[in-house]
N, C-alpha and C. Protein backbone atom coordinates (compact mmCIF):
# COMPACT_ATOMS: atom_id res chain seq x y z
N ALA A 1 6.08 11.25 -10.03
CA ALA A 1 5.69 12.50 -10.65
C ALA A 1 5.50 13.54 -9.56
N PHE A 2 5.90 14.78 -9.88
CA PHE A 2 5.77 15.87 -8.93
C PHE A 2 4.92 16.97 -9.52
N TRP A 3 4.31 17.75 -8.64
CA TRP A 3 3.51 18.90 -9.06
C TRP A 3 4.12 20.11 -8.41
N CYS A 4 4.43 21.15 -9.17
CA CYS A 4 5.08 22.33 -8.63
C CYS A 4 4.18 23.55 -8.79
N ALA A 5 4.16 24.38 -7.75
CA ALA A 5 3.41 25.63 -7.80
C ALA A 5 4.09 26.60 -6.85
N MET A 6 4.51 27.74 -7.37
CA MET A 6 5.10 28.80 -6.56
C MET A 6 6.27 28.30 -5.71
N GLY A 7 7.08 27.42 -6.24
CA GLY A 7 8.26 26.96 -5.53
C GLY A 7 8.03 25.80 -4.59
N ASN A 8 6.78 25.43 -4.36
CA ASN A 8 6.48 24.30 -3.48
C ASN A 8 6.45 23.02 -4.29
N VAL A 9 6.95 21.95 -3.71
CA VAL A 9 6.95 20.67 -4.39
C VAL A 9 6.17 19.68 -3.54
N LEU A 10 5.17 19.07 -4.13
CA LEU A 10 4.36 18.06 -3.45
C LEU A 10 4.64 16.72 -4.10
N ALA A 11 5.04 15.76 -3.32
CA ALA A 11 5.34 14.44 -3.86
C ALA A 11 4.09 13.57 -3.85
N GLN A 12 4.05 12.64 -4.74
CA GLN A 12 2.96 11.66 -4.78
C GLN A 12 3.05 10.80 -3.52
N PRO A 13 1.92 10.34 -2.98
CA PRO A 13 1.98 9.43 -1.83
C PRO A 13 2.76 8.17 -2.18
N LYS A 14 3.50 7.68 -1.21
CA LYS A 14 4.30 6.48 -1.42
C LYS A 14 3.39 5.28 -1.62
N VAL A 15 3.72 4.47 -2.61
CA VAL A 15 2.94 3.26 -2.88
C VAL A 15 3.20 2.26 -1.76
N ILE A 16 2.14 1.62 -1.29
CA ILE A 16 2.27 0.66 -0.19
C ILE A 16 3.02 -0.56 -0.67
N GLN A 17 4.04 -0.92 0.07
CA GLN A 17 4.80 -2.13 -0.20
C GLN A 17 4.41 -3.18 0.83
N PRO A 18 4.40 -4.46 0.47
CA PRO A 18 3.95 -5.50 1.40
C PRO A 18 4.98 -5.90 2.45
N GLU A 19 6.13 -5.23 2.55
CA GLU A 19 7.16 -5.63 3.49
C GLU A 19 6.67 -5.68 4.94
N PRO A 20 5.91 -4.67 5.45
CA PRO A 20 5.52 -4.73 6.86
C PRO A 20 4.66 -5.95 7.16
N VAL A 21 3.87 -6.38 6.21
CA VAL A 21 2.99 -7.53 6.42
C VAL A 21 3.80 -8.82 6.42
N SER A 22 4.93 -8.84 5.75
CA SER A 22 5.74 -10.06 5.71
C SER A 22 6.31 -10.38 7.09
N ASP A 23 6.37 -9.39 7.99
CA ASP A 23 6.84 -9.63 9.36
C ASP A 23 5.76 -10.27 10.23
N LEU A 24 4.53 -10.23 9.79
CA LEU A 24 3.42 -10.79 10.57
C LEU A 24 3.16 -12.23 10.15
N PRO A 25 3.04 -13.13 11.11
CA PRO A 25 2.77 -14.53 10.75
C PRO A 25 1.33 -14.72 10.29
N ASN A 26 1.14 -15.57 9.31
CA ASN A 26 -0.19 -16.01 8.86
C ASN A 26 -1.04 -14.90 8.26
N VAL A 27 -0.41 -13.84 7.74
CA VAL A 27 -1.17 -12.71 7.18
C VAL A 27 -0.63 -12.38 5.78
N VAL A 28 -1.57 -12.16 4.83
CA VAL A 28 -1.21 -11.82 3.46
C VAL A 28 -1.94 -10.52 3.08
N LEU A 29 -1.22 -9.58 2.47
CA LEU A 29 -1.81 -8.31 2.05
C LEU A 29 -2.87 -8.54 0.98
N LYS A 30 -4.04 -7.94 1.17
CA LYS A 30 -5.12 -8.05 0.20
C LYS A 30 -5.38 -6.72 -0.50
N ASP A 31 -5.45 -5.62 0.29
CA ASP A 31 -5.80 -4.33 -0.29
C ASP A 31 -5.32 -3.22 0.64
N THR A 32 -5.27 -2.01 0.10
CA THR A 32 -4.93 -0.83 0.88
C THR A 32 -6.22 -0.09 1.19
N LEU A 33 -6.46 0.21 2.47
CA LEU A 33 -7.68 0.91 2.87
C LEU A 33 -7.45 2.41 3.06
N GLY A 34 -6.25 2.79 3.45
CA GLY A 34 -5.97 4.20 3.69
C GLY A 34 -4.50 4.51 3.55
N ARG A 35 -4.22 5.71 3.10
CA ARG A 35 -2.83 6.13 2.90
C ARG A 35 -2.57 7.40 3.69
N GLY A 36 -2.65 7.29 4.99
CA GLY A 36 -2.37 8.43 5.84
C GLY A 36 -0.90 8.81 5.77
N ARG A 37 -0.59 9.96 6.32
CA ARG A 37 0.78 10.44 6.26
C ARG A 37 1.72 9.57 7.10
N PHE A 38 1.25 9.12 8.26
CA PHE A 38 2.11 8.35 9.16
C PHE A 38 1.72 6.87 9.22
N LEU A 39 0.43 6.59 9.28
CA LEU A 39 -0.03 5.21 9.37
C LEU A 39 -0.73 4.82 8.08
N LYS A 40 -0.39 3.67 7.59
CA LYS A 40 -1.06 3.11 6.41
C LYS A 40 -2.01 2.02 6.90
N THR A 41 -3.21 1.99 6.35
CA THR A 41 -4.20 1.00 6.75
C THR A 41 -4.30 -0.05 5.65
N LEU A 42 -4.05 -1.31 6.04
CA LEU A 42 -4.01 -2.41 5.07
C LEU A 42 -5.06 -3.45 5.43
N LEU A 43 -5.75 -3.95 4.43
CA LEU A 43 -6.67 -5.06 4.62
C LEU A 43 -5.90 -6.33 4.28
N CYS A 44 -5.86 -7.25 5.22
CA CYS A 44 -5.10 -8.48 5.05
C CYS A 44 -6.00 -9.69 5.24
N LEU A 45 -5.54 -10.80 4.72
CA LEU A 45 -6.25 -12.07 4.84
C LEU A 45 -5.44 -12.97 5.75
N HIS A 46 -6.08 -13.49 6.79
CA HIS A 46 -5.42 -14.40 7.72
C HIS A 46 -5.50 -15.81 7.16
N ASP A 47 -4.53 -16.65 7.49
CA ASP A 47 -4.50 -18.03 7.00
C ASP A 47 -5.75 -18.82 7.36
N GLU A 48 -6.39 -18.47 8.46
CA GLU A 48 -7.60 -19.18 8.88
C GLU A 48 -8.85 -18.68 8.15
N GLY A 49 -8.68 -17.75 7.20
CA GLY A 49 -9.79 -17.32 6.37
C GLY A 49 -10.42 -16.01 6.75
N GLY A 50 -10.05 -15.42 7.86
CA GLY A 50 -10.65 -14.16 8.28
C GLY A 50 -9.91 -12.95 7.74
N LEU A 51 -10.62 -11.83 7.66
CA LEU A 51 -10.01 -10.58 7.26
C LEU A 51 -9.45 -9.87 8.49
N VAL A 52 -8.31 -9.21 8.32
CA VAL A 52 -7.64 -8.50 9.40
C VAL A 52 -7.24 -7.13 8.89
N VAL A 53 -7.48 -6.08 9.69
CA VAL A 53 -7.02 -4.74 9.35
C VAL A 53 -5.72 -4.50 10.08
N VAL A 54 -4.70 -4.08 9.34
CA VAL A 54 -3.37 -3.83 9.90
C VAL A 54 -3.03 -2.37 9.72
N LYS A 55 -2.57 -1.72 10.78
CA LYS A 55 -2.07 -0.36 10.71
C LYS A 55 -0.55 -0.45 10.65
N ALA A 56 0.07 0.06 9.59
CA ALA A 56 1.51 -0.02 9.42
C ALA A 56 2.13 1.36 9.50
N TYR A 57 3.17 1.49 10.30
CA TYR A 57 3.92 2.73 10.43
C TYR A 57 5.24 2.55 9.71
N TYR A 58 5.50 3.39 8.73
CA TYR A 58 6.74 3.32 7.97
C TYR A 58 7.75 4.24 8.64
N LYS A 59 8.70 3.67 9.32
CA LYS A 59 9.69 4.45 10.06
C LYS A 59 10.79 4.92 9.11
N ARG A 60 11.03 6.23 9.14
CA ARG A 60 12.12 6.81 8.37
C ARG A 60 13.38 6.83 9.22
N ALA A 61 14.51 7.03 8.57
CA ALA A 61 15.79 7.05 9.28
C ALA A 61 15.86 8.17 10.32
N ASP A 62 15.21 9.30 10.05
CA ASP A 62 15.28 10.44 10.97
C ASP A 62 14.13 10.45 11.99
N SER A 63 13.37 9.37 12.08
CA SER A 63 12.24 9.28 13.02
C SER A 63 12.74 9.08 14.45
N PRO A 64 11.97 9.57 15.43
CA PRO A 64 12.35 9.33 16.82
C PRO A 64 12.18 7.86 17.19
N SER A 65 12.74 7.48 18.31
CA SER A 65 12.67 6.09 18.77
C SER A 65 11.22 5.69 19.06
N LEU A 66 10.88 4.48 18.69
CA LEU A 66 9.53 3.96 18.94
C LEU A 66 9.49 3.07 20.17
N GLY A 67 10.59 2.99 20.93
CA GLY A 67 10.68 2.14 22.12
C GLY A 67 9.57 2.36 23.13
N PRO A 68 9.28 3.62 23.53
CA PRO A 68 8.21 3.84 24.51
C PRO A 68 6.84 3.37 23.99
N TYR A 69 6.58 3.54 22.71
CA TYR A 69 5.30 3.10 22.15
C TYR A 69 5.21 1.58 22.11
N LYS A 70 6.33 0.95 21.82
CA LYS A 70 6.37 -0.52 21.81
C LYS A 70 6.06 -1.07 23.20
N GLN A 71 6.61 -0.44 24.23
CA GLN A 71 6.34 -0.87 25.61
C GLN A 71 4.87 -0.66 25.97
N GLN A 72 4.31 0.47 25.55
CA GLN A 72 2.91 0.75 25.83
C GLN A 72 2.00 -0.26 25.13
N LEU A 73 2.32 -0.62 23.89
CA LEU A 73 1.52 -1.61 23.17
C LEU A 73 1.64 -2.99 23.83
N ALA A 74 2.81 -3.32 24.34
CA ALA A 74 2.99 -4.60 25.04
C ALA A 74 2.13 -4.65 26.30
N ARG A 75 2.06 -3.54 27.03
CA ARG A 75 1.21 -3.48 28.23
C ARG A 75 -0.27 -3.62 27.86
N LEU A 76 -0.70 -2.95 26.80
CA LEU A 76 -2.09 -3.06 26.34
C LEU A 76 -2.41 -4.49 25.92
N ARG A 77 -1.51 -5.10 25.20
CA ARG A 77 -1.72 -6.48 24.75
C ARG A 77 -1.85 -7.43 25.93
N ALA A 78 -1.00 -7.24 26.93
CA ALA A 78 -1.05 -8.10 28.12
C ALA A 78 -2.36 -7.90 28.88
N SER A 79 -2.84 -6.68 28.95
CA SER A 79 -4.09 -6.42 29.69
C SER A 79 -5.31 -6.96 28.94
N LEU A 80 -5.24 -7.09 27.61
CA LEU A 80 -6.37 -7.61 26.82
C LEU A 80 -6.28 -9.10 26.58
N HIS A 81 -5.22 -9.73 27.03
CA HIS A 81 -4.96 -11.14 26.72
C HIS A 81 -6.06 -12.10 27.16
N GLY A 82 -6.62 -11.96 28.31
CA GLY A 82 -7.59 -12.94 28.83
C GLY A 82 -9.04 -12.68 28.49
N LEU A 83 -9.33 -11.74 27.62
CA LEU A 83 -10.71 -11.41 27.29
C LEU A 83 -11.40 -12.56 26.53
N PRO A 84 -12.70 -12.77 26.76
CA PRO A 84 -13.42 -13.85 26.07
C PRO A 84 -13.59 -13.57 24.56
N CYS A 85 -13.51 -12.31 24.15
CA CYS A 85 -13.66 -11.95 22.75
C CYS A 85 -12.37 -11.24 22.29
N PRO A 86 -11.31 -11.96 21.97
CA PRO A 86 -10.03 -11.34 21.68
C PRO A 86 -10.04 -10.49 20.41
N HIS A 87 -11.01 -10.68 19.55
CA HIS A 87 -11.06 -9.91 18.30
C HIS A 87 -11.70 -8.54 18.47
N VAL A 88 -12.25 -8.25 19.64
CA VAL A 88 -12.94 -6.98 19.86
C VAL A 88 -11.96 -5.96 20.37
């Protein structure tokens, strides 16, 4: 459904689909916590019984490359790997 006013068209927010969570091992979508424009916040259940918050970015065809961000996240993950409290 669309709402029109003075020539402007505003679309309804896209309904969250569970596809991004299917790429994550041992995680099942439970609920949607936020519907931001770029990042969607999902509450998921881990196989071991804990709750996990997942931030999902829905990449469009015309989006810029995410390669530099992927490298930065890999560096952050490596630097946090040996911490005694990995969930923090």
